[in-house]
């Protein structure tokens, strides 16, 4: 889980990584959006990355 502050919209979402690569974004109890990674996400971070103000970094695990 990670907070996703979107100051320009005046809200903060919560990103939740689920088994299977699904990452859901919540505003309160409501799902706002879902993205899918190629594998299960083990860590995620939202913030500034270089010149980009709104970057979501996902670290996935691989099954051997």
PDB file of N, CA and C in Angstrom:
ATOM      1  N   UNK A   1       0.836  -1.179   0.000  1.00  0.00           N
ATOM      2  CA  UNK A   1       0.000   0.000   0.000  1.00  0.00           C
ATOM      3  C   UNK A   1       0.879   1.239   0.000  1.00  0.00           C
ATOM      4  N   UNK A   2       0.401   2.263  -0.731  1.00  0.00           N
ATOM      5  CA  UNK A   2       1.134   3.520  -0.758  1.00  0.00           C
ATOM      6  C   UNK A   2       0.160   4.663  -1.024  1.00  0.00           C
ATOM      7  N   UNK A   3       0.371   5.812  -0.360  1.00  0.00           N
ATOM      8  CA  UNK A   3      -0.470   6.968  -0.652  1.00  0.00           C
ATOM      9  C   UNK A   3      -0.094   7.560  -2.010  1.00  0.00           C
ATOM     10  N   UNK A   4      -1.091   8.082  -2.707  1.00  0.00           N
ATOM     11  CA  UNK A   4      -0.879   8.717  -4.011  1.00  0.00           C
ATOM     12  C   UNK A   4      -1.474  10.125  -3.919  1.00  0.00           C
ATOM     13  N   UNK A   5      -0.674  11.094  -3.424  1.00  0.00           N
ATOM     14  CA  UNK A   5      -1.200  12.458  -3.292  1.00  0.00           C
ATOM     15  C   UNK A   5      -1.270  13.144  -4.660  1.00  0.00           C
ATOM     16  N   UNK A   6      -2.434  13.643  -5.000  1.00  0.00           N
ATOM     17  CA  UNK A   6      -2.652  14.376  -6.245  1.00  0.00           C
ATOM     18  C   UNK A   6      -3.120  15.776  -5.863  1.00  0.00           C
ATOM     19  N   UNK A   7      -2.161  16.636  -5.510  1.00  0.00           N
ATOM     20  CA  UNK A   7      -2.467  17.959  -4.987  1.00  0.00           C
ATOM     21  C   UNK A   7      -3.205  18.818  -6.007  1.00  0.00           C
ATOM     22  N   UNK A   8      -2.886  18.662  -7.282  1.00  0.00           N
ATOM     23  CA  UNK A   8      -3.535  19.472  -8.308  1.00  0.00           C
ATOM     24  C   UNK A   8      -5.026  19.135  -8.454  1.00  0.00           C
ATOM     25  N   UNK A   9      -5.430  17.946  -7.990  1.00  0.00           N
ATOM     26  CA  UNK A   9      -6.841  17.555  -7.997  1.00  0.00           C
ATOM     27  C   UNK A   9      -7.489  17.688  -6.621  1.00  0.00           C
ATOM     28  N   UNK A  10      -6.656  17.939  -5.613  1.00  0.00           N
ATOM     29  CA  UNK A  10      -7.164  18.100  -4.253  1.00  0.00           C
ATOM     30  C   UNK A  10      -7.579  16.808  -3.590  1.00  0.00           C
ATOM     31  N   UNK A  11      -6.924  15.695  -3.937  1.00  0.00           N
ATOM     32  CA  UNK A  11      -7.265  14.427  -3.301  1.00  0.00           C
ATOM     33  C   UNK A  11      -6.040  13.543  -3.168  1.00  0.00           C
ATOM     34  N   UNK A  12      -6.174  12.559  -2.309  1.00  0.00           N
ATOM     35  CA  UNK A  12      -5.127  11.557  -2.113  1.00  0.00           C
ATOM     36  C   UNK A  12      -5.756  10.186  -2.267  1.00  0.00           C
ATOM     37  N   UNK A  13      -5.214   9.403  -3.192  1.00  0.00           N
ATOM     38  CA  UNK A  13      -5.663   8.036  -3.403  1.00  0.00           C
ATOM     39  C   UNK A  13      -4.763   7.091  -2.625  1.00  0.00           C
ATOM     40  N   UNK A  14      -5.187   5.858  -2.488  1.00  0.00           N
ATOM     41  CA  UNK A  14      -4.358   4.815  -1.879  1.00  0.00           C
ATOM     42  C   UNK A  14      -4.174   3.723  -2.923  1.00  0.00           C
ATOM     43  N   UNK A  15      -2.918   3.406  -3.230  1.00  0.00           N
ATOM     44  CA  UNK A  15      -2.600   2.336  -4.175  1.00  0.00           C
ATOM     45  C   UNK A  15      -2.410   1.045  -3.387  1.00  0.00           C
ATOM     46  N   UNK A  16      -3.109  -0.009  -3.821  1.00  0.00           N
ATOM     47  CA  UNK A  16      -3.034  -1.306  -3.148  1.00  0.00           C
ATOM     48  C   UNK A  16      -2.632  -2.352  -4.173  1.00  0.00           C
ATOM     49  N   UNK A  17      -1.505  -3.028  -3.929  1.00  0.00           N
ATOM     50  CA  UNK A  17      -1.027  -4.086  -4.826  1.00  0.00           C
ATOM     51  C   UNK A  17      -1.619  -5.420  -4.383  1.00  0.00           C
ATOM     52  N   UNK A  18      -2.177  -6.137  -5.345  1.00  0.00           N
ATOM     53  CA  UNK A  18      -2.813  -7.424  -5.070  1.00  0.00           C
ATOM     54  C   UNK A  18      -2.067  -8.549  -5.776  1.00  0.00           C
ATOM     55  N   UNK A  19      -2.250  -9.767  -5.326  1.00  0.00           N
ATOM     56  CA  UNK A  19      -1.621 -10.920  -5.947  1.00  0.00           C
ATOM     57  C   UNK A  19      -2.069 -11.021  -7.402  1.00  0.00           C
ATOM     58  N   UNK A  20      -1.134 -11.349  -8.279  1.00  0.00           N
ATOM     59  CA  UNK A  20      -1.451 -11.489  -9.697  1.00  0.00           C
ATOM     60  C   UNK A  20      -1.086 -10.273 -10.512  1.00  0.00           C
ATOM     61  N   UNK A  21      -0.557  -9.218  -9.879  1.00  0.00           N
ATOM     62  CA  UNK A  21      -0.111  -8.042 -10.613  1.00  0.00           C
ATOM     63  C   UNK A  21      -1.103  -6.905 -10.661  1.00  0.00           C
ATOM     64  N   UNK A  22      -2.233  -7.037 -10.038  1.00  0.00           N
ATOM     65  CA  UNK A  22      -3.240  -5.986 -10.052  1.00  0.00           C
ATOM     66  C   UNK A  22      -2.914  -4.922  -9.005  1.00  0.00           C
ATOM     67  N   UNK A  23      -2.997  -3.653  -9.421  1.00  0.00           N
ATOM     68  CA  UNK A  23      -2.820  -2.529  -8.507  1.00  0.00           C
ATOM     69  C   UNK A  23      -4.085  -1.679  -8.594  1.00  0.00           C
ATOM     70  N   UNK A  24      -4.793  -1.561  -7.473  1.00  0.00           N
ATOM     71  CA  UNK A  24      -6.041  -0.805  -7.435  1.00  0.00           C
ATOM     72  C   UNK A  24      -5.820   0.510  -6.707  1.00  0.00           C
ATOM     73  N   UNK A  25      -6.485   1.567  -7.195  1.00  0.00           N
ATOM     74  CA  UNK A  25      -6.407   2.889  -6.597  1.00  0.00           C
ATOM     75  C   UNK A  25      -7.754   3.207  -5.962  1.00  0.00           C
ATOM     76  N   UNK A  26      -7.721   3.519  -4.660  1.00  0.00           N
ATOM     77  CA  UNK A  26      -8.939   3.750  -3.889  1.00  0.00           C
ATOM     78  C   UNK A  26      -9.023   5.201  -3.441  1.00  0.00           C
ATOM     79  N   UNK A  27     -10.243   5.712  -3.446  1.00  0.00           N
ATOM     80  CA  UNK A  27     -10.583   6.969  -2.802  1.00  0.00           C
ATOM     81  C   UNK A  27     -11.646   6.612  -1.782  1.00  0.00           C
ATOM     82  N   UNK A  28     -11.240   6.518  -0.525  1.00  0.00           N
ATOM     83  CA  UNK A  28     -12.140   5.998   0.501  1.00  0.00           C
ATOM     84  C   UNK A  28     -12.360   4.515   0.255  1.00  0.00           C
ATOM     85  N   UNK A  29     -13.614   4.108   0.131  1.00  0.00           N
ATOM     86  CA  UNK A  29     -13.940   2.700  -0.131  1.00  0.00           C
ATOM     87  C   UNK A  29     -14.187   2.422  -1.611  1.00  0.00           C
ATOM     88  N   UNK A  30     -14.127   3.462  -2.433  1.00  0.00           N
ATOM     89  CA  UNK A  30     -14.455   3.319  -3.849  1.00  0.00           C
ATOM     90  C   UNK A  30     -13.195   3.100  -4.687  1.00  0.00           C
ATOM     91  N   UNK A  31     -13.233   2.079  -5.562  1.00  0.00           N
ATOM     92  CA  UNK A  31     -12.125   1.829  -6.484  1.00  0.00           C
ATOM     93  C   UNK A  31     -12.224   2.841  -7.620  1.00  0.00           C
ATOM     94  N   UNK A  32     -11.152   3.609  -7.821  1.00  0.00           N
ATOM     95  CA  UNK A  32     -11.118   4.637  -8.857  1.00  0.00           C
ATOM     96  C   UNK A  32     -10.571   4.074 -10.155  1.00  0.00           C
ATOM     97  N   UNK A  33      -9.498   3.278 -10.067  1.00  0.00           N
ATOM     98  CA  UNK A  33      -8.861   2.723 -11.263  1.00  0.00           C
ATOM     99  C   UNK A  33      -8.063   1.487 -10.869  1.00  0.00           C
ATOM    100  N   UNK A  34      -7.766   0.658 -11.863  1.00  0.00           N
ATOM    101  CA  UNK A  34      -6.947  -0.539 -11.663  1.00  0.00           C
ATOM    102  C   UNK A  34      -5.979  -0.668 -12.828  1.00  0.00           C
ATOM    103  N   UNK A  35      -4.726  -0.951 -12.516  1.00  0.00           N
ATOM    104  CA  UNK A  35      -3.721  -1.247 -13.538  1.00  0.00           C
ATOM    105  C   UNK A  35      -3.179  -2.640 -13.262  1.00  0.00           C
ATOM    106  N   UNK A  36      -2.612  -3.261 -14.291  1.00  0.00           N
ATOM    107  CA  UNK A  36      -2.092  -4.620 -14.146  1.00  0.00           C
ATOM    108  C   UNK A  36      -0.623  -4.668 -14.536  1.00  0.00           C
ATOM    109  N   UNK A  37       0.199  -5.209 -13.647  1.00  0.00           N
ATOM    110  CA  UNK A  37       1.621  -5.431 -13.903  1.00  0.00           C
ATOM    111  C   UNK A  37       1.794  -6.858 -14.415  1.00  0.00           C
ATOM    112  N   UNK A  38       2.918  -7.145 -15.069  1.00  0.00           N
ATOM    113  CA  UNK A  38       3.128  -8.488 -15.604  1.00  0.00           C
ATOM    114  C   UNK A  38       3.283  -9.587 -14.558  1.00  0.00           C
ATOM    115  N   UNK A  39       3.583  -9.227 -13.310  1.00  0.00           N
ATOM    116  CA  UNK A  39       3.755 -10.207 -12.238  1.00  0.00           C
ATOM    117  C   UNK A  39       3.304  -9.579 -10.923  1.00  0.00           C
ATOM    118  N   UNK A  40       3.289 -10.341  -9.864  1.00  0.00           N
ATOM    119  CA  UNK A  40       2.864  -9.845  -8.554  1.00  0.00           C
ATOM    120  C   UNK A  40       3.797  -8.732  -8.082  1.00  0.00           C
ATOM    121  N   UNK A  41       3.221  -7.646  -7.609  1.00  0.00           N
ATOM    122  CA  UNK A  41       3.983  -6.488  -7.138  1.00  0.00           C
ATOM    123  C   UNK A  41       4.384  -6.714  -5.685  1.00  0.00           C
ATOM    124  N   UNK A  42       5.696  -6.573  -5.406  1.00  0.00           N
ATOM    125  CA  UNK A  42       6.176  -6.742  -4.037  1.00  0.00           C
ATOM    126  C   UNK A  42       6.416  -5.411  -3.346  1.00  0.00           C
ATOM    127  N   UNK A  43       6.603  -4.329  -4.117  1.00  0.00           N
ATOM    128  CA  UNK A  43       6.790  -2.994  -3.538  1.00  0.00           C
ATOM    129  C   UNK A  43       6.325  -1.954  -4.551  1.00  0.00           C
ATOM    130  N   UNK A  44       5.820  -0.836  -4.030  1.00  0.00           N
ATOM    131  CA  UNK A  44       5.436   0.263  -4.910  1.00  0.00           C
ATOM    132  C   UNK A  44       5.683   1.584  -4.211  1.00  0.00           C
ATOM    133  N   UNK A  45       5.945   2.605  -5.015  1.00  0.00           N
ATOM    134  CA  UNK A  45       6.237   3.931  -4.485  1.00  0.00           C
ATOM    135  C   UNK A  45       5.734   4.960  -5.485  1.00  0.00           C
ATOM    136  N   UNK A  46       5.070   5.993  -4.992  1.00  0.00           N
ATOM    137  CA  UNK A  46       4.582   7.075  -5.833  1.00  0.00           C
ATOM    138  C   UNK A  46       5.282   8.354  -5.417  1.00  0.00           C
ATOM    139  N   UNK A  47       5.720   9.140  -6.398  1.00  0.00           N
ATOM    140  CA  UNK A  47       6.359  10.414  -6.087  1.00  0.00           C
ATOM    141  C   UNK A  47       7.116  10.971  -7.267  1.00  0.00           C
ATOM    142  N   UNK A  48       8.086  11.820  -6.969  1.00  0.00           N
ATOM    143  CA  UNK A  48       8.901  12.466  -7.991  1.00  0.00           C
ATOM    144  C   UNK A  48      10.041  11.527  -8.398  1.00  0.00           C
ATOM    145  N   UNK A  49      10.241  11.399  -9.705  1.00  0.00           N
ATOM    146  CA  UNK A  49      11.318  10.568 -10.249  1.00  0.00           C
ATOM    147  C   UNK A  49      11.960  11.349 -11.389  1.00  0.00           C
ATOM    148  N   UNK A  50      13.122  11.946 -11.109  1.00  0.00           N
ATOM    149  CA  UNK A  50      13.770  12.785 -12.117  1.00  0.00           C
ATOM    150  C   UNK A  50      12.933  14.027 -12.370  1.00  0.00           C
ATOM    151  N   UNK A  51      12.570  14.288 -13.634  1.00  0.00           N
ATOM    152  CA  UNK A  51      11.775  15.446 -14.007  1.00  0.00           C
ATOM    153  C   UNK A  51      10.271  15.205 -13.849  1.00  0.00           C
ATOM    154  N   UNK A  52       9.876  13.972 -13.634  1.00  0.00           N
ATOM    155  CA  UNK A  52       8.453  13.627 -13.539  1.00  0.00           C
ATOM    156  C   UNK A  52       7.955  13.793 -12.106  1.00  0.00           C
ATOM    157  N   UNK A  53       6.889  14.558 -11.935  1.00  0.00           N
ATOM    158  CA  UNK A  53       6.326  14.787 -10.601  1.00  0.00           C
ATOM    159  C   UNK A  53       5.459  13.638 -10.117  1.00  0.00           C
ATOM    160  N   UNK A  54       4.787  12.940 -11.027  1.00  0.00           N
ATOM    161  CA  UNK A  54       3.826  11.902 -10.654  1.00  0.00           C
ATOM    162  C   UNK A  54       4.234  10.566 -11.271  1.00  0.00           C
ATOM    163  N   UNK A  55       5.131   9.858 -10.601  1.00  0.00           N
ATOM    164  CA  UNK A  55       5.620   8.572 -11.095  1.00  0.00           C
ATOM    165  C   UNK A  55       5.231   7.461 -10.131  1.00  0.00           C
ATOM    166  N   UNK A  56       4.812   6.338 -10.701  1.00  0.00           N
ATOM    167  CA  UNK A  56       4.517   5.154  -9.904  1.00  0.00           C
ATOM    168  C   UNK A  56       5.555   4.097 -10.261  1.00  0.00           C
ATOM    169  N   UNK A  57       6.343   3.705  -9.270  1.00  0.00           N
ATOM    170  CA  UNK A  57       7.386   2.698  -9.466  1.00  0.00           C
ATOM    171  C   UNK A  57       6.898   1.398  -8.844  1.00  0.00           C
ATOM    172  N   UNK A  58       6.898   0.327  -9.636  1.00  0.00           N
ATOM    173  CA  UNK A  58       6.469  -0.991  -9.175  1.00  0.00           C
ATOM    174  C   UNK A  58       7.652  -1.946  -9.216  1.00  0.00           C
ATOM    175  N   UNK A  59       7.848  -2.707  -8.163  1.00  0.00           N
ATOM    176  CA  UNK A  59       8.864  -3.767  -8.111  1.00  0.00           C
ATOM    177  C   UNK A  59       8.099  -5.077  -8.066  1.00  0.00           C
ATOM    178  N   UNK A  60       8.370  -5.958  -9.029  1.00  0.00           N
ATOM    179  CA  UNK A  60       7.648  -7.225  -9.096  1.00  0.00           C
ATOM    180  C   UNK A  60       8.554  -8.387  -8.697  1.00  0.00           C
ATOM    181  N   UNK A  61       7.925  -9.498  -8.373  1.00  0.00           N
ATOM    182  CA  UNK A  61       8.658 -10.720  -8.074  1.00  0.00           C
ATOM    183  C   UNK A  61       8.507 -11.641  -9.272  1.00  0.00           C
ATOM    184  N   UNK A  62       9.474 -12.519  -9.444  1.00  0.00           N
ATOM    185  CA  UNK A  62       9.353 -13.499 -10.526  1.00  0.00           C
ATOM    186  C   UNK A  62       9.336 -14.891  -9.908  1.00  0.00           C
ATOM    187  N   UNK A  63       8.565 -15.756 -10.504  1.00  0.00           N
ATOM    188  CA  UNK A  63       8.466 -17.123 -10.015  1.00  0.00           C
ATOM    189  C   UNK A  63       9.384 -18.010 -10.846  1.00  0.00           C
ATOM    190  N   UNK A  64      10.252 -18.701 -10.154  1.00  0.00           N
ATOM    191  CA  UNK A  64      11.214 -19.571 -10.850  1.00  0.00           C
ATOM    192  C   UNK A  64      10.728 -20.995 -10.833  1.00  0.00           C
TER     193      UNK A  64
END
